Amino acid sequence: MLFLIAYISSVVLINFAFSTAPHLDVIWSAWGGLVFILRDMVQTRFGHGAIIAMLAALVLSYITSDPSIAFASATAFAVSECIDWLVFSITKRPLHDRLWLSSALSIPLDTFIFFGMIGVLTPVAVGTALASKFAGVSVVWLAMAWRLRRQRVVN
């Protein structure tokens, strides 16, 4: 439940932050990396229910943020969520591999769609967003792979 609350809250707060202080896009881009990790954790726990969490976050974003930011966020999330859903549904690889694979495919698309739609498609903002998102996903992947190896040694 903690991941679910953190996920919805993060989406709403980041969209609000982009709406109220767009000049700090590099900071909000770095924070965006957390959303992908949280979304994957929500998807792992709630399966296809993650889409309901995404919709709740986007409705709250539309109420609390600039509608154009909320629309850009909804569009980017819809594309990346479809990619995640396909990877999680089709791929039979271990969870940590599915998390990284889905992120490797969805993060660049999400980033370019969102920043393109809000007019901040700058190398610094995109680079920061991509670096933070991939760093976060890589840390989670390493932690999950380490835990899996440790479990194998114990068994």
N, C-alpha and C. Protein backbone atom coordinates (compact mmCIF):
# COMPACT_ATOMS: atom_id res chain seq x y z
N MET A 1 0.82 -1.20 0.00
CA MET A 1 0.00 0.00 0.00
C MET A 1 0.87 1.26 0.00
N LEU A 2 2.03 1.18 0.64
CA LEU A 2 2.94 2.33 0.70
C LEU A 2 3.39 2.73 -0.70
N PHE A 3 3.74 1.74 -1.55
CA PHE A 3 4.16 2.04 -2.91
C PHE A 3 3.04 2.70 -3.70
N LEU A 4 1.82 2.25 -3.49
CA LEU A 4 0.66 2.80 -4.18
C LEU A 4 0.46 4.27 -3.84
N ILE A 5 0.50 4.57 -2.55
CA ILE A 5 0.33 5.96 -2.10
C ILE A 5 1.48 6.82 -2.59
N ALA A 6 2.70 6.30 -2.49
CA ALA A 6 3.89 7.05 -2.94
C ALA A 6 3.83 7.29 -4.45
N TYR A 7 3.37 6.32 -5.19
CA TYR A 7 3.27 6.46 -6.65
C TYR A 7 2.29 7.56 -7.03
N ILE A 8 1.07 7.45 -6.52
CA ILE A 8 0.05 8.45 -6.85
C ILE A 8 0.49 9.84 -6.40
N SER A 9 1.01 9.93 -5.20
CA SER A 9 1.46 11.23 -4.67
C SER A 9 2.58 11.82 -5.52
N SER A 10 3.52 10.99 -5.93
CA SER A 10 4.65 11.47 -6.72
C SER A 10 4.21 12.02 -8.07
N VAL A 11 3.30 11.31 -8.73
CA VAL A 11 2.81 11.78 -10.03
C VAL A 11 2.14 13.14 -9.86
N VAL A 12 1.27 13.24 -8.87
CA VAL A 12 0.54 14.50 -8.64
C VAL A 12 1.51 15.63 -8.28
N LEU A 13 2.44 15.36 -7.38
CA LEU A 13 3.38 16.41 -6.94
C LEU A 13 4.33 16.83 -8.05
N ILE A 14 4.79 15.91 -8.86
CA ILE A 14 5.69 16.29 -9.97
C ILE A 14 4.93 17.12 -11.00
N ASN A 15 3.72 16.73 -11.33
CA ASN A 15 2.94 17.53 -12.28
C ASN A 15 2.64 18.91 -11.72
N PHE A 16 2.33 18.97 -10.43
CA PHE A 16 2.11 20.26 -9.78
C PHE A 16 3.39 21.10 -9.82
N ALA A 17 4.53 20.47 -9.55
CA ALA A 17 5.81 21.17 -9.56
C ALA A 17 6.13 21.72 -10.95
N PHE A 18 5.92 20.92 -11.98
CA PHE A 18 6.15 21.40 -13.35
C PHE A 18 5.22 22.56 -13.68
N SER A 19 4.01 22.55 -13.12
CA SER A 19 3.03 23.61 -13.38
C SER A 19 3.40 24.91 -12.69
N THR A 20 3.89 24.82 -11.47
CA THR A 20 4.14 26.03 -10.68
C THR A 20 5.55 26.57 -10.82
N ALA A 21 6.51 25.72 -11.14
CA ALA A 21 7.90 26.18 -11.26
C ALA A 21 8.58 25.48 -12.43
N PRO A 22 8.12 25.77 -13.66
CA PRO A 22 8.67 25.08 -14.82
C PRO A 22 10.16 25.37 -15.05
N HIS A 23 10.64 26.49 -14.52
CA HIS A 23 12.06 26.83 -14.68
C HIS A 23 12.98 25.89 -13.90
N LEU A 24 12.41 25.09 -13.01
CA LEU A 24 13.19 24.11 -12.25
C LEU A 24 13.02 22.71 -12.86
N ASP A 25 12.83 22.67 -14.18
CA ASP A 25 12.55 21.40 -14.85
C ASP A 25 13.63 20.35 -14.63
N VAL A 26 14.87 20.76 -14.42
CA VAL A 26 15.93 19.78 -14.19
C VAL A 26 15.71 19.05 -12.86
N ILE A 27 15.28 19.79 -11.84
CA ILE A 27 15.00 19.17 -10.54
C ILE A 27 13.83 18.20 -10.65
N TRP A 28 12.76 18.66 -11.30
CA TRP A 28 11.58 17.80 -11.43
C TRP A 28 11.91 16.59 -12.31
N SER A 29 12.80 16.77 -13.29
CA SER A 29 13.21 15.66 -14.15
C SER A 29 13.93 14.59 -13.34
N ALA A 30 14.78 15.02 -12.43
CA ALA A 30 15.51 14.07 -11.58
C ALA A 30 14.55 13.30 -10.69
N TRP A 31 13.57 13.99 -10.15
CA TRP A 31 12.57 13.38 -9.27
C TRP A 31 11.72 12.37 -10.05
N GLY A 32 11.57 12.61 -11.34
CA GLY A 32 10.76 11.73 -12.17
C GLY A 32 11.24 10.29 -12.20
N GLY A 33 12.52 10.08 -11.95
CA GLY A 33 13.05 8.72 -11.93
C GLY A 33 12.36 7.85 -10.90
N LEU A 34 11.99 8.45 -9.81
CA LEU A 34 11.31 7.72 -8.74
C LEU A 34 9.96 7.16 -9.19
N VAL A 35 9.27 7.91 -10.04
CA VAL A 35 7.93 7.50 -10.47
C VAL A 35 7.98 6.16 -11.20
N PHE A 36 9.00 5.95 -12.02
CA PHE A 36 9.08 4.68 -12.76
C PHE A 36 9.31 3.50 -11.83
N ILE A 37 10.13 3.70 -10.83
CA ILE A 37 10.37 2.63 -9.86
C ILE A 37 9.09 2.33 -9.10
N LEU A 38 8.43 3.38 -8.64
CA LEU A 38 7.19 3.19 -7.89
C LEU A 38 6.11 2.54 -8.76
N ARG A 39 6.02 2.94 -10.01
CA ARG A 39 5.02 2.34 -10.90
C ARG A 39 5.28 0.85 -11.07
N ASP A 40 6.55 0.48 -11.23
CA ASP A 40 6.87 -0.94 -11.37
C ASP A 40 6.55 -1.72 -10.10
N MET A 41 6.78 -1.10 -8.94
CA MET A 41 6.45 -1.76 -7.68
C MET A 41 4.93 -1.92 -7.54
N VAL A 42 4.19 -0.90 -7.95
CA VAL A 42 2.72 -0.98 -7.91
C VAL A 42 2.24 -2.06 -8.88
N GLN A 43 2.84 -2.09 -10.06
CA GLN A 43 2.44 -3.10 -11.05
C GLN A 43 2.77 -4.50 -10.55
N THR A 44 3.90 -4.65 -9.87
CA THR A 44 4.27 -5.94 -9.32
C THR A 44 3.27 -6.40 -8.27
N ARG A 45 2.82 -5.48 -7.45
CA ARG A 45 1.91 -5.81 -6.34
C ARG A 45 0.45 -5.93 -6.78
N PHE A 46 0.01 -5.01 -7.67
CA PHE A 46 -1.40 -4.94 -8.02
C PHE A 46 -1.71 -5.38 -9.46
N GLY A 47 -0.69 -5.77 -10.21
CA GLY A 47 -0.91 -6.22 -11.59
C GLY A 47 -1.53 -5.13 -12.44
N HIS A 48 -2.58 -5.50 -13.18
CA HIS A 48 -3.23 -4.54 -14.08
C HIS A 48 -3.96 -3.43 -13.32
N GLY A 49 -4.08 -3.59 -12.01
CA GLY A 49 -4.66 -2.53 -11.18
C GLY A 49 -3.81 -1.27 -11.16
N ALA A 50 -2.57 -1.39 -11.62
CA ALA A 50 -1.68 -0.22 -11.70
C ALA A 50 -2.28 0.84 -12.62
N ILE A 51 -3.06 0.40 -13.59
CA ILE A 51 -3.69 1.36 -14.50
C ILE A 51 -4.70 2.22 -13.75
N ILE A 52 -5.41 1.64 -12.80
CA ILE A 52 -6.35 2.41 -11.99
C ILE A 52 -5.60 3.44 -11.15
N ALA A 53 -4.46 3.04 -10.60
CA ALA A 53 -3.64 3.98 -9.83
C ALA A 53 -3.16 5.12 -10.73
N MET A 54 -2.75 4.79 -11.95
CA MET A 54 -2.30 5.81 -12.89
C MET A 54 -3.44 6.78 -13.20
N LEU A 55 -4.62 6.24 -13.45
CA LEU A 55 -5.77 7.10 -13.75
C LEU A 55 -6.11 8.01 -12.57
N ALA A 56 -6.06 7.48 -11.36
CA ALA A 56 -6.32 8.30 -10.17
C ALA A 56 -5.29 9.43 -10.08
N ALA A 57 -4.03 9.09 -10.31
CA ALA A 57 -2.98 10.11 -10.25
C ALA A 57 -3.19 11.18 -11.32
N LEU A 58 -3.62 10.78 -12.48
CA LEU A 58 -3.81 11.74 -13.57
C LEU A 58 -5.04 12.62 -13.35
N VAL A 59 -6.10 12.06 -12.77
CA VAL A 59 -7.27 12.88 -12.45
C VAL A 59 -6.89 13.92 -11.39
N LEU A 60 -6.19 13.48 -10.36
CA LEU A 60 -5.74 14.44 -9.33
C LEU A 60 -4.79 15.48 -9.93
N SER A 61 -3.95 15.07 -10.86
CA SER A 61 -3.04 16.01 -11.52
C SER A 61 -3.83 17.04 -12.32
N TYR A 62 -4.85 16.60 -13.00
CA TYR A 62 -5.66 17.51 -13.79
C TYR A 62 -6.33 18.56 -12.89
N ILE A 63 -6.71 18.15 -11.68
CA ILE A 63 -7.37 19.07 -10.74
C ILE A 63 -6.36 20.03 -10.14
N THR A 64 -5.14 19.57 -9.86
CA THR A 64 -4.17 20.37 -9.11
C THR A 64 -3.11 21.05 -9.97
N SER A 65 -3.02 20.67 -11.24
CA SER A 65 -1.94 21.18 -12.08
C SER A 65 -2.49 21.86 -13.31
N ASP A 66 -1.59 22.45 -14.06
CA ASP A 66 -1.92 23.02 -15.36
C ASP A 66 -2.46 21.88 -16.23
N PRO A 67 -3.62 22.05 -16.85
CA PRO A 67 -4.19 20.97 -17.66
C PRO A 67 -3.26 20.48 -18.78
N SER A 68 -2.45 21.37 -19.34
CA SER A 68 -1.55 20.92 -20.41
C SER A 68 -0.45 20.01 -19.85
N ILE A 69 -0.01 20.26 -18.63
CA ILE A 69 0.97 19.38 -17.97
C ILE A 69 0.32 18.03 -17.68
N ALA A 70 -0.90 18.07 -17.15
CA ALA A 70 -1.61 16.82 -16.83
C ALA A 70 -1.86 16.01 -18.10
N PHE A 71 -2.22 16.68 -19.20
CA PHE A 71 -2.47 15.98 -20.46
C PHE A 71 -1.17 15.37 -21.01
N ALA A 72 -0.08 16.11 -20.94
CA ALA A 72 1.21 15.58 -21.40
C ALA A 72 1.62 14.38 -20.56
N SER A 73 1.41 14.48 -19.26
CA SER A 73 1.73 13.39 -18.35
C SER A 73 0.87 12.16 -18.68
N ALA A 74 -0.42 12.38 -18.90
CA ALA A 74 -1.33 11.28 -19.22
C ALA A 74 -0.93 10.59 -20.53
N THR A 75 -0.58 11.38 -21.52
CA THR A 75 -0.18 10.81 -22.80
C THR A 75 1.09 10.00 -22.67
N ALA A 76 2.09 10.57 -22.00
CA ALA A 76 3.37 9.87 -21.83
C ALA A 76 3.19 8.61 -21.00
N PHE A 77 2.41 8.70 -19.93
CA PHE A 77 2.16 7.52 -19.09
C PHE A 77 1.40 6.45 -19.86
N ALA A 78 0.44 6.84 -20.67
CA ALA A 78 -0.34 5.86 -21.43
C ALA A 78 0.57 5.04 -22.34
N VAL A 79 1.47 5.72 -23.03
CA VAL A 79 2.39 5.02 -23.92
C VAL A 79 3.32 4.12 -23.12
N SER A 80 3.93 4.66 -22.08
CA SER A 80 4.89 3.86 -21.32
C SER A 80 4.20 2.73 -20.54
N GLU A 81 2.98 2.97 -20.08
CA GLU A 81 2.25 1.92 -19.37
C GLU A 81 1.90 0.78 -20.31
N CYS A 82 1.55 1.08 -21.55
CA CYS A 82 1.26 0.02 -22.52
C CYS A 82 2.52 -0.82 -22.78
N ILE A 83 3.65 -0.17 -22.88
CA ILE A 83 4.91 -0.90 -23.07
C ILE A 83 5.18 -1.78 -21.85
N ASP A 84 5.04 -1.22 -20.66
CA ASP A 84 5.25 -2.01 -19.44
C ASP A 84 4.30 -3.19 -19.38
N TRP A 85 3.04 -2.95 -19.70
CA TRP A 85 2.06 -4.02 -19.66
C TRP A 85 2.45 -5.15 -20.62
N LEU A 86 2.88 -4.78 -21.83
CA LEU A 86 3.29 -5.80 -22.79
C LEU A 86 4.48 -6.61 -22.28
N VAL A 87 5.49 -5.91 -21.76
CA VAL A 87 6.68 -6.61 -21.25
C VAL A 87 6.30 -7.53 -20.09
N PHE A 88 5.51 -7.02 -19.16
CA PHE A 88 5.13 -7.83 -18.00
C PHE A 88 4.22 -8.98 -18.40
N SER A 89 3.40 -8.81 -19.43
CA SER A 89 2.46 -9.84 -19.84
C SER A 89 3.10 -10.91 -20.73
N ILE A 90 4.01 -10.51 -21.58
CA ILE A 90 4.59 -11.42 -22.56
C ILE A 90 5.86 -12.09 -22.05
N THR A 91 6.71 -11.32 -21.41
CA THR A 91 8.01 -11.83 -21.01
C THR A 91 7.89 -12.72 -19.77
N LYS A 92 8.58 -13.81 -19.80
CA LYS A 92 8.57 -14.75 -18.67
C LYS A 92 9.89 -14.69 -17.88
N ARG A 93 10.65 -13.67 -18.11
CA ARG A 93 11.93 -13.51 -17.42
C ARG A 93 11.68 -13.20 -15.93
N PRO A 94 12.71 -13.33 -15.11
CA PRO A 94 12.55 -12.98 -13.69
C PRO A 94 12.11 -11.51 -13.55
N LEU A 95 11.46 -11.23 -12.43
CA LEU A 95 10.90 -9.90 -12.20
C LEU A 95 11.92 -8.80 -12.40
N HIS A 96 13.11 -8.93 -11.84
CA HIS A 96 14.08 -7.83 -11.94
C HIS A 96 14.47 -7.58 -13.40
N ASP A 97 14.50 -8.61 -14.23
CA ASP A 97 14.79 -8.42 -15.65
C ASP A 97 13.64 -7.72 -16.36
N ARG A 98 12.40 -8.12 -16.01
CA ARG A 98 11.23 -7.46 -16.63
C ARG A 98 11.17 -5.99 -16.26
N LEU A 99 11.53 -5.66 -15.01
CA LEU A 99 11.53 -4.25 -14.60
C LEU A 99 12.51 -3.45 -15.46
N TRP A 100 13.71 -4.00 -15.64
CA TRP A 100 14.72 -3.25 -16.39
C TRP A 100 14.36 -3.18 -17.86
N LEU A 101 13.90 -4.28 -18.43
CA LEU A 101 13.54 -4.30 -19.84
C LEU A 101 12.38 -3.35 -20.13
N SER A 102 11.36 -3.38 -19.31
CA SER A 102 10.22 -2.48 -19.54
C SER A 102 10.65 -1.03 -19.42
N SER A 103 11.53 -0.75 -18.48
CA SER A 103 12.02 0.62 -18.31
C SER A 103 12.89 1.05 -19.48
N ALA A 104 13.73 0.15 -19.95
CA ALA A 104 14.61 0.48 -21.08
C ALA A 104 13.81 0.85 -22.32
N LEU A 105 12.65 0.24 -22.47
CA LEU A 105 11.80 0.55 -23.62
C LEU A 105 10.90 1.76 -23.38
N SER A 106 10.36 1.88 -22.16
CA SER A 106 9.35 2.92 -21.92
C SER A 106 9.92 4.27 -21.49
N ILE A 107 11.03 4.27 -20.78
CA ILE A 107 11.57 5.54 -20.27
C ILE A 107 11.89 6.54 -21.38
N PRO A 108 12.62 6.15 -22.43
CA PRO A 108 12.91 7.16 -23.46
C PRO A 108 11.65 7.71 -24.12
N LEU A 109 10.70 6.84 -24.43
CA LEU A 109 9.46 7.32 -25.06
C LEU A 109 8.70 8.26 -24.14
N ASP A 110 8.53 7.86 -22.89
CA ASP A 110 7.84 8.68 -21.91
C ASP A 110 8.50 10.06 -21.81
N THR A 111 9.80 10.07 -21.70
CA THR A 111 10.55 11.32 -21.52
C THR A 111 10.38 12.25 -22.72
N PHE A 112 10.57 11.72 -23.92
CA PHE A 112 10.45 12.57 -25.12
C PHE A 112 9.03 13.05 -25.34
N ILE A 113 8.05 12.20 -25.09
CA ILE A 113 6.65 12.61 -25.26
C ILE A 113 6.31 13.72 -24.28
N PHE A 114 6.61 13.50 -22.99
CA PHE A 114 6.25 14.49 -21.97
C PHE A 114 6.93 15.84 -22.22
N PHE A 115 8.25 15.82 -22.36
CA PHE A 115 8.97 17.09 -22.53
C PHE A 115 8.64 17.76 -23.86
N GLY A 116 8.39 16.95 -24.89
CA GLY A 116 7.99 17.54 -26.17
C GLY A 116 6.65 18.24 -26.08
N MET A 117 5.72 17.62 -25.36
CA MET A 117 4.38 18.20 -25.25
C MET A 117 4.34 19.45 -24.37
N ILE A 118 5.25 19.56 -23.40
CA ILE A 118 5.22 20.75 -22.54
C ILE A 118 6.23 21.81 -23.01
N GLY A 119 6.94 21.52 -24.09
CA GLY A 119 7.85 22.50 -24.67
C GLY A 119 9.17 22.67 -23.94
N VAL A 120 9.63 21.63 -23.26
CA VAL A 120 10.92 21.71 -22.55
C VAL A 120 11.83 20.58 -23.02
N LEU A 121 11.81 20.30 -24.29
CA LEU A 121 12.62 19.22 -24.85
C LEU A 121 14.06 19.72 -25.03
N THR A 122 14.71 19.99 -23.91
CA THR A 122 16.09 20.48 -23.93
C THR A 122 17.04 19.34 -23.57
N PRO A 123 18.26 19.41 -24.07
CA PRO A 123 19.22 18.34 -23.75
C PRO A 123 19.43 18.17 -22.24
N VAL A 124 19.46 19.26 -21.49
CA VAL A 124 19.70 19.16 -20.05
C VAL A 124 18.52 18.49 -19.35
N ALA A 125 17.31 18.91 -19.64
CA ALA A 125 16.13 18.32 -18.99
C ALA A 125 15.98 16.85 -19.39
N VAL A 126 16.11 16.56 -20.67
CA VAL A 126 15.97 15.18 -21.13
C VAL A 126 17.09 14.31 -20.57
N GLY A 127 18.32 14.82 -20.61
CA GLY A 127 19.46 14.07 -20.08
C GLY A 127 19.31 13.78 -18.60
N THR A 128 18.87 14.77 -17.84
CA THR A 128 18.67 14.59 -16.40
C THR A 128 17.58 13.55 -16.14
N ALA A 129 16.47 13.67 -16.88
CA ALA A 129 15.36 12.73 -16.70
C ALA A 129 15.80 11.31 -17.03
N LEU A 130 16.46 11.14 -18.16
CA LEU A 130 16.90 9.80 -18.56
C LEU A 130 17.90 9.23 -17.56
N ALA A 131 18.87 10.05 -17.16
CA ALA A 131 19.90 9.57 -16.22
C ALA A 131 19.28 9.17 -14.88
N SER A 132 18.38 10.00 -14.36
CA SER A 132 17.79 9.68 -13.04
C SER A 132 16.90 8.45 -13.13
N LYS A 133 16.13 8.34 -14.20
CA LYS A 133 15.23 7.19 -14.35
C LYS A 133 16.02 5.90 -14.50
N PHE A 134 17.04 5.93 -15.36
CA PHE A 134 17.83 4.71 -15.55
C PHE A 134 18.68 4.38 -14.33
N ALA A 135 19.15 5.39 -13.62
CA ALA A 135 19.92 5.14 -12.39
C ALA A 135 19.04 4.46 -11.35
N GLY A 136 17.85 4.98 -11.17
CA GLY A 136 16.93 4.40 -10.19
C GLY A 136 16.55 2.97 -10.54
N VAL A 137 16.22 2.73 -11.79
CA VAL A 137 15.85 1.39 -12.21
C VAL A 137 17.03 0.44 -12.07
N SER A 138 18.22 0.92 -12.38
CA SER A 138 19.41 0.07 -12.26
C SER A 138 19.70 -0.30 -10.81
N VAL A 139 19.51 0.64 -9.90
CA VAL A 139 19.71 0.35 -8.48
C VAL A 139 18.71 -0.72 -8.01
N VAL A 140 17.46 -0.57 -8.41
CA VAL A 140 16.45 -1.57 -8.03
C VAL A 140 16.80 -2.92 -8.66
N TRP A 141 17.21 -2.93 -9.92
CA TRP A 141 17.58 -4.17 -10.59
C TRP A 141 18.73 -4.85 -9.86
N LEU A 142 19.76 -4.09 -9.51
CA LEU A 142 20.90 -4.66 -8.80
C LEU A 142 20.49 -5.23 -7.44
N ALA A 143 19.65 -4.50 -6.71
CA ALA A 143 19.21 -4.98 -5.40
C ALA A 143 18.40 -6.26 -5.53
N MET A 144 17.52 -6.32 -6.52
CA MET A 144 16.70 -7.52 -6.71
C MET A 144 17.55 -8.70 -7.18
N ALA A 145 18.51 -8.46 -8.06
CA ALA A 145 19.39 -9.52 -8.54
C ALA A 145 20.26 -10.04 -7.39
N TRP A 146 20.75 -9.14 -6.56
CA TRP A 146 21.58 -9.53 -5.41
C TRP A 146 20.76 -10.40 -4.45
N ARG A 147 19.52 -9.99 -4.18
CA ARG A 147 18.66 -10.75 -3.28
C ARG A 147 18.35 -12.12 -3.86
N LEU A 148 18.13 -12.21 -5.16
CA LEU A 148 17.85 -13.48 -5.80
C LEU A 148 19.07 -14.41 -5.71
N ARG A 149 20.25 -13.88 -5.96
CA ARG A 149 21.48 -14.69 -5.84
C ARG A 149 21.68 -15.16 -4.41
N ARG A 150 21.41 -14.29 -3.48
CA ARG A 150 21.56 -14.65 -2.06
C ARG A 150 20.59 -15.76 -1.66
N GLN A 151 19.37 -15.69 -2.16
CA GLN A 151 18.39 -16.74 -1.88
C GLN A 151 18.83 -18.07 -2.47
N ARG A 152 19.43 -18.04 -3.65
CA ARG A 152 19.91 -19.28 -4.27
C ARG A 152 21.02 -19.91 -3.45
N VAL A 153 21.91 -19.07 -2.89
CA VAL A 153 23.01 -19.58 -2.07
C VAL A 153 22.47 -20.21 -0.80
N VAL A 154 21.48 -19.58 -0.19
CA VAL A 154 20.89 -20.08 1.05
C VAL A 154 20.18 -21.41 0.80
N ASN A 155 19.49 -21.52 -0.31
CA ASN A 155 18.75 -22.75 -0.63
C ASN A 155 19.71 -23.78 -1.17
